[in-house]
C-alpha atoms as a PDB file:
ATOM      1  CA  MET A   1     -29.322 -17.284  36.697  1.00  0.00           C
ATOM      2  CA  ILE A   2     -31.841 -14.470  36.955  1.00  0.00           C
ATOM      3  CA  ASP A   3     -31.201 -10.708  36.776  1.00  0.00           C
ATOM      4  CA  GLU A   4     -32.758  -8.023  38.991  1.00  0.00           C
ATOM      5  CA  ASN A   5     -35.764  -7.847  36.627  1.00  0.00           C
ATOM      6  CA  GLY A   6     -36.441 -11.559  36.804  1.00  0.00           C
ATOM      7  CA  GLN A   7     -35.014 -12.207  33.325  1.00  0.00           C
ATOM      8  CA  PRO A   8     -32.536 -15.025  32.708  1.00  0.00           C
ATOM      9  CA  PHE A   9     -28.980 -14.059  31.883  1.00  0.00           C
ATOM     10  CA  PRO A  10     -27.980 -15.203  28.391  1.00  0.00           C
ATOM     11  CA  SER A  11     -24.796 -16.760  29.741  1.00  0.00           C
ATOM     12  CA  TYR A  12     -22.686 -17.242  32.811  1.00  0.00           C
ATOM     13  CA  ALA A  13     -20.261 -14.641  31.425  1.00  0.00           C
ATOM     14  CA  ALA A  14     -23.076 -12.083  31.226  1.00  0.00           C
ATOM     15  CA  PHE A  15     -23.967 -12.871  34.823  1.00  0.00           C
ATOM     16  CA  CYS A  16     -20.346 -12.417  35.926  1.00  0.00           C
ATOM     17  CA  ASN A  17     -20.075  -9.120  34.066  1.00  0.00           C
ATOM     18  CA  ALA A  18     -23.304  -7.819  35.600  1.00  0.00           C
ATOM     19  CA  LYS A  19     -22.133  -8.869  39.065  1.00  0.00           C
ATOM     20  CA  LEU A  20     -18.752  -7.223  38.513  1.00  0.00           C
ATOM     21  CA  LEU A  21     -20.435  -3.938  37.526  1.00  0.00           C
ATOM     22  CA  GLU A  22     -22.834  -4.166  40.451  1.00  0.00           C
ATOM     23  CA  ASP A  23     -19.957  -4.644  42.872  1.00  0.00           C
ATOM     24  CA  ASN A  24     -17.741  -2.026  41.159  1.00  0.00           C
ATOM     25  CA  PRO A  25     -19.899   0.755  39.687  1.00  0.00           C
ATOM     26  CA  SER A  26     -16.775   2.835  38.998  1.00  0.00           C
ATOM     27  CA  LEU A  27     -16.013   0.422  36.106  1.00  0.00           C
ATOM     28  CA  LYS A  28     -19.172   1.370  34.213  1.00  0.00           C
ATOM     29  CA  PRO A  29     -17.572   4.291  32.280  1.00  0.00           C
ATOM     30  CA  TYR A  30     -15.033   1.828  30.817  1.00  0.00           C
ATOM     31  CA  LEU A  31     -17.648  -0.615  29.560  1.00  0.00           C
ATOM     32  CA  GLU A  32     -18.313   1.090  26.207  1.00  0.00           C
ATOM     33  CA  GLU A  33     -14.617   1.204  25.301  1.00  0.00           C
ATOM     34  CA  ALA A  34     -14.103  -2.402  26.417  1.00  0.00           C
ATOM     35  CA  LEU A  35     -17.031  -3.541  24.261  1.00  0.00           C
ATOM     36  CA  ARG A  36     -15.671  -1.613  21.261  1.00  0.00           C
ATOM     37  CA  LYS A  37     -12.223  -3.193  21.623  1.00  0.00           C
ATOM     38  CA  ALA A  38     -13.639  -6.680  22.150  1.00  0.00           C
ATOM     39  CA  TYR A  39     -15.869  -6.353  19.089  1.00  0.00           C
ATOM     40  CA  LEU A  40     -12.978  -5.243  16.872  1.00  0.00           C
ATOM     41  CA  LYS A  41     -10.882  -8.175  18.114  1.00  0.00           C
ATOM     42  CA  GLY A  42     -13.824 -10.516  17.511  1.00  0.00           C
ATOM     43  CA  VAL A  43     -14.165  -9.294  13.935  1.00  0.00           C
ATOM     44  CA  GLU A  44     -10.468  -9.926  13.325  1.00  0.00           C
ATOM     45  CA  LEU A  45     -10.801 -13.445  14.734  1.00  0.00           C
ATOM     46  CA  ALA A  46     -13.918 -14.131  12.647  1.00  0.00           C
ATOM     47  CA  VAL A  47     -12.205 -12.914   9.472  1.00  0.00           C
ATOM     48  CA  GLY A  48      -9.275 -15.214  10.173  1.00  0.00           C
ATOM     49  CA  GLU A  49     -11.415 -18.236  10.949  1.00  0.00           C
ATOM     50  CA  THR A  50     -14.010 -17.874   8.196  1.00  0.00           C
ATOM     51  CA  ASP A  51     -12.044 -16.281   5.348  1.00  0.00           C
ATOM     52  CA  LEU A  52     -14.944 -13.830   4.962  1.00  0.00           C
ATOM     53  CA  PRO A  53     -13.942 -10.310   3.973  1.00  0.00           C
ATOM     54  CA  LYS A  54     -13.810  -7.780   6.787  1.00  0.00           C
ATOM     55  CA  ARG A  55     -16.501  -5.715   5.029  1.00  0.00           C
ATOM     56  CA  THR A  56     -18.934  -8.573   5.811  1.00  0.00           C
ATOM     57  CA  PHE A  57     -19.095  -7.389   9.417  1.00  0.00           C
ATOM     58  CA  PRO A  58     -20.539  -4.119  10.717  1.00  0.00           C
ATOM     59  CA  VAL A  59     -17.859  -1.477  11.344  1.00  0.00           C
ATOM     60  CA  GLU A  60     -19.268  -0.759  14.810  1.00  0.00           C
ATOM     61  CA  CYS A  61     -20.590  -3.234  17.346  1.00  0.00           C
ATOM     62  CA  PRO A  62     -24.342  -3.676  16.798  1.00  0.00           C
ATOM     63  CA  TYR A  63     -24.884  -4.477  20.479  1.00  0.00           C
ATOM     64  CA  SER A  64     -25.115  -2.056  23.350  1.00  0.00           C
END
């Protein structure tokens, strides 16, 4: 799948998210908070699955 700039999407999920935002631009203000919450949940899952200490992971999501 290709984005509007001719670049491939990294995953089908990324494509679906981009399409959702394109079709519903009013959701864009919620994206930052959703990413923050998802990252924090992902860290908790990673800590549980790997037994690595929480301090191993960045406090804030390194992706934007």
